N, C-alpha and C. Protein backbone atom coordinates (compact mmCIF):
# COMPACT_ATOMS: atom_id res chain seq x y z
N MET A 1 104.34 117.67 94.11
CA MET A 1 103.10 117.42 93.17
C MET A 1 102.05 116.63 94.53
N LYS A 2 100.87 117.20 94.18
CA LYS A 2 99.91 116.37 94.86
C LYS A 2 99.43 115.35 93.89
N GLU A 3 98.90 114.09 94.79
CA GLU A 3 98.68 112.96 94.33
C GLU A 3 97.35 112.90 94.01
N GLU A 4 96.73 112.16 92.81
CA GLU A 4 95.37 112.25 92.63
C GLU A 4 94.73 110.87 92.95
N VAL A 5 93.76 110.90 93.47
CA VAL A 5 92.97 109.66 93.98
C VAL A 5 92.28 109.20 93.05
N PHE A 6 92.61 108.05 92.75
CA PHE A 6 91.59 107.10 91.56
C PHE A 6 90.31 106.69 92.25
N ILE A 7 90.34 106.10 93.28
CA ILE A 7 89.22 105.86 93.91
C ILE A 7 89.36 105.26 95.69
N THR A 8 88.63 105.52 96.59
CA THR A 8 88.77 104.99 97.89
C THR A 8 87.65 103.74 98.11
N ILE A 9 88.40 102.40 98.87
CA ILE A 9 87.39 101.48 98.59
C ILE A 9 87.51 100.77 99.92
N GLU A 10 86.36 99.87 100.27
CA GLU A 10 86.49 99.04 101.48
C GLU A 10 86.93 97.64 101.02
N LEU A 11 88.05 97.52 101.62
CA LEU A 11 88.58 95.78 101.19
C LEU A 11 87.97 94.98 102.24
N PRO A 12 87.65 93.84 101.77
CA PRO A 12 86.98 92.83 102.59
C PRO A 12 87.25 92.41 103.90
N VAL A 13 88.44 92.65 104.12
CA VAL A 13 89.16 92.15 105.32
C VAL A 13 89.78 93.44 106.15
N SER A 14 90.55 94.17 105.39
CA SER A 14 91.47 95.25 106.01
C SER A 14 90.58 96.44 105.97
N GLY A 15 89.79 96.85 105.44
CA GLY A 15 88.92 97.89 105.51
C GLY A 15 89.44 99.01 104.66
N ARG A 16 89.11 100.46 104.87
CA ARG A 16 89.36 101.43 103.76
C ARG A 16 90.83 101.68 103.13
N VAL A 17 90.97 101.71 102.04
CA VAL A 17 92.42 101.85 101.51
C VAL A 17 92.09 102.90 100.32
N THR A 18 92.97 103.90 100.03
CA THR A 18 92.94 104.62 99.02
C THR A 18 94.07 104.20 97.86
N ILE A 19 93.07 104.38 96.48
CA ILE A 19 94.13 103.96 95.65
C ILE A 19 94.17 105.01 94.62
N LEU A 20 95.78 105.62 94.30
CA LEU A 20 96.07 106.70 93.48
C LEU A 20 95.99 106.33 91.97
N GLU A 21 95.63 107.33 91.50
CA GLU A 21 95.52 107.64 89.99
C GLU A 21 96.85 106.86 89.47
N GLY A 22 96.73 106.00 88.73
CA GLY A 22 98.18 105.35 88.31
C GLY A 22 98.92 106.47 87.27
N LYS A 23 100.26 106.73 86.95
CA LYS A 23 100.96 107.39 86.56
C LYS A 23 102.12 106.62 85.58
N GLY A 24 102.69 107.08 84.63
CA GLY A 24 103.89 106.49 84.28
C GLY A 24 104.63 106.03 85.10
N ARG A 25 105.05 106.88 86.03
CA ARG A 25 106.32 106.38 86.97
C ARG A 25 105.95 105.38 87.56
N HIS A 26 104.53 104.87 88.20
CA HIS A 26 104.20 104.00 88.72
C HIS A 26 104.05 102.42 88.10
N TYR A 27 103.70 102.76 86.80
CA TYR A 27 103.86 101.73 85.72
C TYR A 27 105.31 101.15 85.44
N PHE A 28 106.19 102.16 85.08
CA PHE A 28 107.55 101.73 84.70
C PHE A 28 108.36 101.14 85.92
N SER A 29 108.11 101.94 87.06
CA SER A 29 108.68 101.54 88.64
C SER A 29 108.32 99.77 88.66
N ALA A 30 106.94 99.64 88.70
CA ALA A 30 106.52 98.27 88.42
C ALA A 30 107.02 97.33 87.32
N ILE A 31 107.03 97.78 86.35
CA ILE A 31 107.87 96.87 85.28
C ILE A 31 109.20 96.58 85.55
N THR A 32 109.86 97.45 86.09
CA THR A 32 111.42 97.44 86.38
C THR A 32 111.37 96.26 87.63
N LYS A 33 110.75 96.69 88.38
CA LYS A 33 110.91 95.74 89.78
C LYS A 33 110.53 94.21 89.52
N ALA A 34 109.36 94.16 88.68
CA ALA A 34 108.80 92.92 88.36
C ALA A 34 109.86 91.92 87.21
N ASN A 35 110.50 92.81 86.53
CA ASN A 35 111.67 92.03 85.73
C ASN A 35 110.74 91.13 84.73
N GLY A 36 109.86 91.57 84.20
CA GLY A 36 109.19 91.08 83.15
C GLY A 36 107.94 90.07 83.80
N ASP A 37 107.94 89.74 84.62
CA ASP A 37 106.71 88.87 85.42
C ASP A 37 105.81 89.62 85.68
N SER A 38 104.60 89.13 85.00
CA SER A 38 103.25 90.18 85.07
C SER A 38 102.35 89.72 86.17
N THR A 39 102.80 88.72 86.83
CA THR A 39 102.01 88.73 88.27
C THR A 39 102.78 89.58 89.25
N LEU A 40 104.03 89.40 89.22
CA LEU A 40 104.89 90.45 90.01
C LEU A 40 104.55 91.96 89.78
N MET A 41 104.21 92.23 88.34
CA MET A 41 103.99 93.68 87.92
C MET A 41 102.64 93.96 88.67
N ILE A 42 101.61 93.35 89.12
CA ILE A 42 100.71 93.81 89.65
C ILE A 42 100.95 94.17 90.96
N LYS A 43 101.67 92.97 91.74
CA LYS A 43 102.07 93.21 93.18
C LYS A 43 102.69 94.57 93.23
N TYR A 44 103.49 94.84 92.45
CA TYR A 44 104.27 96.14 92.37
C TYR A 44 103.42 97.60 92.12
N LEU A 45 102.56 97.35 91.19
CA LEU A 45 101.39 98.24 91.24
C LEU A 45 101.04 98.54 92.12
N ILE A 46 100.48 97.51 93.14
CA ILE A 46 99.47 97.63 94.12
C ILE A 46 100.35 98.56 95.11
N ILE A 47 101.77 98.25 95.41
CA ILE A 47 102.56 98.77 96.09
C ILE A 47 102.80 100.05 95.93
N GLU A 48 102.93 100.38 94.58
CA GLU A 48 103.03 101.86 94.21
C GLU A 48 101.78 102.73 94.38
N VAL A 49 100.69 102.35 94.10
CA VAL A 49 99.42 103.20 94.22
C VAL A 49 98.63 103.14 95.32
N VAL A 50 98.71 101.99 96.11
CA VAL A 50 97.80 101.75 97.54
C VAL A 50 98.29 102.43 98.60
N LYS A 51 97.46 103.31 99.14
CA LYS A 51 97.64 103.98 100.54
C LYS A 51 96.65 103.64 101.61
N ILE A 52 97.28 103.12 102.76
CA ILE A 52 96.48 103.02 103.96
C ILE A 52 96.65 103.94 104.91
N ASP A 53 95.63 104.63 105.51
CA ASP A 53 95.69 105.63 106.46
C ASP A 53 96.86 106.84 105.90
N GLY A 54 96.72 107.08 104.59
CA GLY A 54 97.52 108.10 104.02
C GLY A 54 99.14 107.64 103.82
N LYS A 55 99.50 106.32 104.02
CA LYS A 55 100.84 105.84 103.91
C LYS A 55 100.96 104.70 103.04
N SER A 56 102.31 104.85 102.54
CA SER A 56 102.47 103.89 101.41
C SER A 56 102.35 102.32 101.99
N LEU A 57 101.85 101.37 101.23
CA LEU A 57 101.70 99.87 101.55
C LEU A 57 103.30 99.37 101.20
N SER A 58 103.63 98.78 102.24
CA SER A 58 105.05 98.05 102.05
C SER A 58 104.83 96.50 101.31
N GLU A 59 105.77 96.03 100.91
CA GLU A 59 105.90 94.77 100.27
C GLU A 59 105.48 93.80 101.50
N VAL A 60 106.17 94.18 102.69
CA VAL A 60 105.66 92.96 103.74
C VAL A 60 104.27 93.23 104.18
N GLN A 61 103.63 94.51 104.12
CA GLN A 61 102.27 94.45 104.45
C GLN A 61 101.42 93.67 103.42
N LEU A 62 101.67 94.02 102.10
CA LEU A 62 101.14 93.26 100.92
C LEU A 62 101.21 91.72 101.11
N ASP A 63 102.24 91.35 101.33
CA ASP A 63 102.68 89.86 101.58
C ASP A 63 101.96 89.13 102.74
N GLU A 64 101.64 90.12 103.60
CA GLU A 64 101.06 89.56 105.07
C GLU A 64 99.29 89.85 104.97
N MET A 65 98.97 90.47 103.93
CA MET A 65 97.52 90.81 103.87
C MET A 65 96.65 89.81 103.26
N HIS A 66 95.47 89.84 103.77
CA HIS A 66 94.31 88.85 103.65
C HIS A 66 94.23 88.43 102.42
N MET A 67 94.19 87.36 101.65
CA MET A 67 94.15 86.76 100.22
C MET A 67 92.96 87.45 99.44
N ARG A 68 91.92 87.72 100.31
CA ARG A 68 90.53 88.41 99.82
C ARG A 68 91.17 89.58 99.51
N ASP A 69 91.69 90.24 100.29
CA ASP A 69 92.16 91.82 99.98
C ASP A 69 93.23 91.87 98.91
N VAL A 70 94.01 91.14 98.57
CA VAL A 70 94.99 90.96 97.84
C VAL A 70 93.89 90.62 96.39
N CYS A 71 93.19 89.86 96.39
CA CYS A 71 92.67 89.48 94.98
C CYS A 71 91.68 90.84 94.51
N TYR A 72 91.08 91.41 95.65
CA TYR A 72 90.15 92.56 95.36
C TYR A 72 91.10 93.51 94.72
N LEU A 73 92.31 93.95 95.52
CA LEU A 73 93.23 95.02 94.87
C LEU A 73 93.41 94.73 93.47
N SER A 74 93.94 93.25 92.94
CA SER A 74 94.46 93.00 92.00
C SER A 74 93.47 93.18 90.82
N THR A 75 92.07 92.88 91.27
CA THR A 75 91.05 93.18 90.37
C THR A 75 91.03 94.92 90.06
N VAL A 76 91.06 95.47 90.94
CA VAL A 76 90.99 97.07 90.66
C VAL A 76 92.24 97.63 89.95
N ILE A 77 93.23 97.16 90.26
CA ILE A 77 94.52 97.53 89.64
C ILE A 77 94.39 97.08 87.82
N GLY A 78 93.90 95.69 87.86
CA GLY A 78 93.53 95.20 86.56
C GLY A 78 92.67 96.16 85.78
N THR A 79 91.64 96.48 86.25
CA THR A 79 90.48 97.28 85.89
C THR A 79 91.24 98.66 85.28
N MET A 80 92.03 99.20 86.27
CA MET A 80 92.54 100.35 85.84
C MET A 80 93.34 100.32 84.41
N MET A 81 93.92 99.12 84.52
CA MET A 81 94.58 99.18 83.30
C MET A 81 94.14 98.80 82.03
N SER A 82 92.85 98.30 81.92
CA SER A 82 92.09 97.54 80.77
C SER A 82 91.63 98.82 79.96
N ASN A 83 91.57 98.14 78.73
CA ASN A 83 91.06 99.17 77.71
C ASN A 83 89.65 99.59 77.73
N ASP A 84 89.05 98.54 78.20
CA ASP A 84 87.77 98.55 78.55
C ASP A 84 87.58 99.74 79.43
N PHE A 85 87.99 99.74 80.39
CA PHE A 85 87.96 100.99 81.30
C PHE A 85 88.31 102.27 80.78
N VAL A 86 89.52 102.27 80.14
CA VAL A 86 89.89 103.47 79.53
C VAL A 86 88.98 104.04 78.53
N ASN A 87 88.50 103.17 77.68
CA ASN A 87 87.56 103.57 76.60
C ASN A 87 86.28 103.84 77.12
N GLY A 88 85.86 103.37 78.45
CA GLY A 88 84.69 103.83 78.92
C GLY A 88 83.44 102.68 78.47
N ILE A 89 83.80 101.62 77.94
CA ILE A 89 83.08 100.68 77.67
C ILE A 89 82.34 99.78 78.68
């Protein structure tokens, strides 16, 4: 199955990344791995849907990523999940 791209962005430090369109499988995988911790859920969603040079982002890569990039990705993922974005408001 071909993965759908949500957006390609330039991170402040690390450069260009592709963010896949989030699916239920990404969401439920992140919830399961986060064990109810909402901050960890964003972390695992980033790991699930972000690609660098066409390759999945590892937990180690994310942990070592510059904080500005992590915050930027967290904002984009949060926007993807918000009702305002979904409803086009």
